[in-house]
Amino acid sequence: MAGHRMDRISEDIRRELSAVFRELKDPRVTECFLSIVRIEVTNDLSFCTVYVSTIEGLERTKEAVKGLESAAGFIRREIGHRIKLRHTPQMIFKATDAIEYGANISKILKDLNIKEPEDGEEND
C-alpha cells in the first residue's frame, strides 16, 4: 500500500515539476529542452532526487542543473502549493545523459540499416 502511495506522489511531483520548469525565467533552464528522466522520493518525504537530461549533452544539462539549484526554494514552494502534502520534500537535482545516450543508440541502430524479412521469406 505504501509503495502505491509513493508512486502516486512521485508522479504528482513529476507532473507539477514539468509545469514549474516552464514558468522559470532562468535562461540556463528555459533555453534548453529539459526533460525529467526519473524521480526518487524518500519514504519520509524529506528529499526528492530529480534526474534531468537534455538532448544537447551532459555539459548543457549540468548548466541547467545549476539554474534549477538556484531556483530550488521557488520550486519547492510552488510544489508545496500545488500538491497538498504535510511536508514538501527538499529537491535535489542531478544531471544525466540519458536522452543523449538514447539518441545515440537510436542513431546506431538506424545506421545499421538492417533489412527486415518480408512475410514470404524464411529466417535462417
C-alpha atoms as a PDB file:
ATOM      1  CA  MET A   1       0.000   0.000   0.000  1.00  0.00           C
ATOM      2  CA  ALA A   2       2.794   2.426   0.900  1.00  0.00           C
ATOM      3  CA  GLY A   3       4.567   1.694  -2.404  1.00  0.00           C
ATOM      4  CA  HIS A   4       1.483   2.692  -4.368  1.00  0.00           C
ATOM      5  CA  ARG A   5       1.259   5.969  -2.438  1.00  0.00           C
ATOM      6  CA  MET A   6       4.917   6.772  -3.090  1.00  0.00           C
ATOM      7  CA  ASP A   7       4.478   6.069  -6.809  1.00  0.00           C
ATOM      8  CA  ARG A   8       1.463   8.356  -6.920  1.00  0.00           C
ATOM      9  CA  ILE A   9       3.312  11.136  -5.079  1.00  0.00           C
ATOM     10  CA  SER A  10       6.303  10.745  -7.416  1.00  0.00           C
ATOM     11  CA  GLU A  11       4.068  11.080 -10.463  1.00  0.00           C
ATOM     12  CA  ASP A  12       2.316  14.120  -8.963  1.00  0.00           C
ATOM     13  CA  ILE A  13       5.674  15.760  -8.292  1.00  0.00           C
ATOM     14  CA  ARG A  14       6.880  14.934 -11.822  1.00  0.00           C
ATOM     15  CA  ARG A  15       3.769  16.470 -13.378  1.00  0.00           C
ATOM     16  CA  GLU A  16       3.966  19.633 -11.281  1.00  0.00           C
ATOM     17  CA  LEU A  17       7.736  19.995 -11.762  1.00  0.00           C
ATOM     18  CA  SER A  18       7.226  19.983 -15.519  1.00  0.00           C
ATOM     19  CA  ALA A  19       4.753  22.839 -15.154  1.00  0.00           C
ATOM     20  CA  VAL A  20       7.041  24.773 -12.789  1.00  0.00           C
ATOM     21  CA  PHE A  21      10.017  24.359 -15.147  1.00  0.00           C
ATOM     22  CA  ARG A  22       8.006  26.117 -17.864  1.00  0.00           C
ATOM     23  CA  GLU A  23       7.393  29.061 -15.511  1.00  0.00           C
ATOM     24  CA  LEU A  24      11.058  29.593 -14.602  1.00  0.00           C
ATOM     25  CA  LYS A  25      12.747  32.649 -16.055  1.00  0.00           C
ATOM     26  CA  ASP A  26      16.364  31.480 -15.675  1.00  0.00           C
ATOM     27  CA  PRO A  27      17.925  31.294 -19.173  1.00  0.00           C
ATOM     28  CA  ARG A  28      20.032  28.290 -18.133  1.00  0.00           C
ATOM     29  CA  VAL A  29      16.782  26.349 -17.768  1.00  0.00           C
ATOM     30  CA  THR A  30      14.490  27.907 -20.357  1.00  0.00           C
ATOM     31  CA  GLU A  31      16.908  27.892 -23.315  1.00  0.00           C
ATOM     32  CA  CYS A  32      17.260  24.109 -23.372  1.00  0.00           C
ATOM     33  CA  PHE A  33      14.865  21.243 -23.822  1.00  0.00           C
ATOM     34  CA  LEU A  34      14.924  19.937 -20.249  1.00  0.00           C
ATOM     35  CA  SER A  35      13.329  16.577 -19.527  1.00  0.00           C
ATOM     36  CA  ILE A  36      12.713  14.807 -16.232  1.00  0.00           C
ATOM     37  CA  VAL A  37      14.153  11.314 -16.540  1.00  0.00           C
ATOM     38  CA  ARG A  38      13.389   9.892 -13.099  1.00  0.00           C
ATOM     39  CA  ILE A  39      12.219  10.976  -9.654  1.00  0.00           C
ATOM     40  CA  GLU A  40      13.101   9.247  -6.399  1.00  0.00           C
ATOM     41  CA  VAL A  41      11.299  10.279  -3.217  1.00  0.00           C
ATOM     42  CA  THR A  42      12.460   9.078   0.188  1.00  0.00           C
ATOM     43  CA  ASN A  43       9.956   7.187   2.331  1.00  0.00           C
ATOM     44  CA  ASP A  44       9.651  10.025   4.838  1.00  0.00           C
ATOM     45  CA  LEU A  45       9.168  12.605   2.025  1.00  0.00           C
ATOM     46  CA  SER A  46      12.109  14.673   3.236  1.00  0.00           C
ATOM     47  CA  PHE A  47      14.092  14.511  -0.022  1.00  0.00           C
ATOM     48  CA  CYS A  48      13.230  14.205  -3.679  1.00  0.00           C
ATOM     49  CA  THR A  49      16.014  13.462  -6.160  1.00  0.00           C
ATOM     50  CA  VAL A  50      15.157  14.655  -9.655  1.00  0.00           C
ATOM     51  CA  TYR A  51      17.232  13.316 -12.552  1.00  0.00           C
ATOM     52  CA  VAL A  52      17.095  15.637 -15.565  1.00  0.00           C
ATOM     53  CA  SER A  53      18.578  15.437 -19.052  1.00  0.00           C
ATOM     54  CA  THR A  54      18.799  17.470 -22.242  1.00  0.00           C
ATOM     55  CA  ILE A  55      19.355  16.477 -25.843  1.00  0.00           C
ATOM     56  CA  GLU A  56      22.285  18.935 -26.016  1.00  0.00           C
ATOM     57  CA  GLY A  57      24.506  16.742 -23.826  1.00  0.00           C
ATOM     58  CA  LEU A  58      25.739  16.362 -20.283  1.00  0.00           C
ATOM     59  CA  GLU A  59      27.581  19.705 -20.057  1.00  0.00           C
ATOM     60  CA  ARG A  60      24.430  21.607 -21.059  1.00  0.00           C
ATOM     61  CA  THR A  61      22.440  19.574 -18.548  1.00  0.00           C
ATOM     62  CA  LYS A  62      24.897  20.490 -15.782  1.00  0.00           C
ATOM     63  CA  GLU A  63      24.362  24.174 -16.594  1.00  0.00           C
ATOM     64  CA  ALA A  64      20.600  23.683 -16.387  1.00  0.00           C
ATOM     65  CA  VAL A  65      21.003  21.917 -13.022  1.00  0.00           C
ATOM     66  CA  LYS A  66      22.871  24.969 -11.689  1.00  0.00           C
ATOM     67  CA  GLY A  67      19.884  27.084 -12.717  1.00  0.00           C
ATOM     68  CA  LEU A  68      17.479  24.655 -11.039  1.00  0.00           C
ATOM     69  CA  GLU A  69      19.550  24.656  -7.842  1.00  0.00           C
ATOM     70  CA  SER A  70      19.424  28.444  -7.699  1.00  0.00           C
ATOM     71  CA  ALA A  71      15.625  28.290  -8.044  1.00  0.00           C
ATOM     72  CA  ALA A  72      15.200  25.342  -5.632  1.00  0.00           C
ATOM     73  CA  GLY A  73      13.406  27.433  -2.995  1.00  0.00           C
ATOM     74  CA  PHE A  74      10.892  28.767  -5.515  1.00  0.00           C
ATOM     75  CA  ILE A  75      10.371  25.289  -6.976  1.00  0.00           C
ATOM     76  CA  ARG A  76       9.811  23.753  -3.529  1.00  0.00           C
ATOM     77  CA  ARG A  77       7.315  26.475  -2.594  1.00  0.00           C
ATOM     78  CA  GLU A  78       5.384  26.013  -5.844  1.00  0.00           C
ATOM     79  CA  ILE A  79       5.269  22.225  -5.384  1.00  0.00           C
ATOM     80  CA  GLY A  80       4.038  22.780  -1.812  1.00  0.00           C
ATOM     81  CA  HIS A  81       1.202  24.989  -3.053  1.00  0.00           C
ATOM     82  CA  ARG A  82       0.192  22.650  -5.873  1.00  0.00           C
ATOM     83  CA  ILE A  83       0.394  19.294  -4.064  1.00  0.00           C
ATOM     84  CA  LYS A  84      -1.211  19.006  -0.666  1.00  0.00           C
ATOM     85  CA  LEU A  85       1.409  17.268   1.458  1.00  0.00           C
ATOM     86  CA  ARG A  86       2.185  17.695   5.122  1.00  0.00           C
ATOM     87  CA  HIS A  87       5.873  18.095   4.304  1.00  0.00           C
ATOM     88  CA  THR A  88       7.194  19.242   0.924  1.00  0.00           C
ATOM     89  CA  PRO A  89      10.416  17.398   0.093  1.00  0.00           C
ATOM     90  CA  GLN A  90      13.691  19.188  -0.488  1.00  0.00           C
ATOM     91  CA  MET A  91      14.596  18.976  -4.175  1.00  0.00           C
ATOM     92  CA  ILE A  92      17.964  17.580  -5.229  1.00  0.00           C
ATOM     93  CA  PHE A  93      18.676  17.951  -8.943  1.00  0.00           C
ATOM     94  CA  LYS A  94      21.112  15.645 -10.748  1.00  0.00           C
ATOM     95  CA  ALA A  95      22.237  15.722 -14.373  1.00  0.00           C
ATOM     96  CA  THR A  96      22.196  12.589 -16.534  1.00  0.00           C
ATOM     97  CA  ASP A  97      22.937  11.977 -20.195  1.00  0.00           C
ATOM     98  CA  ALA A  98      20.003   9.610 -20.699  1.00  0.00           C
ATOM     99  CA  ILE A  99      18.423  11.456 -23.641  1.00  0.00           C
ATOM    100  CA  GLU A 100      21.739  11.891 -25.463  1.00  0.00           C
ATOM    101  CA  TYR A 101      22.565   8.224 -24.826  1.00  0.00           C
ATOM    102  CA  GLY A 102      19.168   7.095 -26.141  1.00  0.00           C
ATOM    103  CA  ALA A 103      19.504   9.286 -29.235  1.00  0.00           C
ATOM    104  CA  ASN A 104      22.956   7.838 -29.875  1.00  0.00           C
ATOM    105  CA  ILE A 105      21.641   4.254 -29.599  1.00  0.00           C
ATOM    106  CA  SER A 106      18.797   5.118 -31.973  1.00  0.00           C
ATOM    107  CA  LYS A 107      21.268   6.594 -34.473  1.00  0.00           C
ATOM    108  CA  ILE A 108      23.476   3.493 -34.300  1.00  0.00           C
ATOM    109  CA  LEU A 109      20.501   1.215 -34.907  1.00  0.00           C
ATOM    110  CA  LYS A 110      19.350   3.351 -37.814  1.00  0.00           C
ATOM    111  CA  ASP A 111      22.858   3.326 -39.313  1.00  0.00           C
ATOM    112  CA  LEU A 112      22.930  -0.480 -39.232  1.00  0.00           C
ATOM    113  CA  ASN A 113      20.273  -0.434 -41.952  1.00  0.00           C
ATOM    114  CA  ILE A 114      19.055  -3.954 -41.226  1.00  0.00           C
ATOM    115  CA  LYS A 115      16.575  -5.165 -43.807  1.00  0.00           C
ATOM    116  CA  GLU A 116      13.552  -6.831 -42.238  1.00  0.00           C
ATOM    117  CA  PRO A 117      12.413 -10.101 -43.849  1.00  0.00           C
ATOM    118  CA  GLU A 118       9.240  -9.989 -45.869  1.00  0.00           C
ATOM    119  CA  ASP A 119       6.248 -12.167 -44.987  1.00  0.00           C
ATOM    120  CA  GLY A 120       7.053 -14.850 -47.622  1.00  0.00           C
ATOM    121  CA  GLU A 121      10.755 -15.242 -46.680  1.00  0.00           C
ATOM    122  CA  GLU A 122      12.063 -17.613 -44.039  1.00  0.00           C
ATOM    123  CA  ASN A 123      14.573 -16.717 -41.364  1.00  0.00           C
ATOM    124  CA  ASP A 124      17.719 -18.892 -41.430  1.00  0.00           C
END
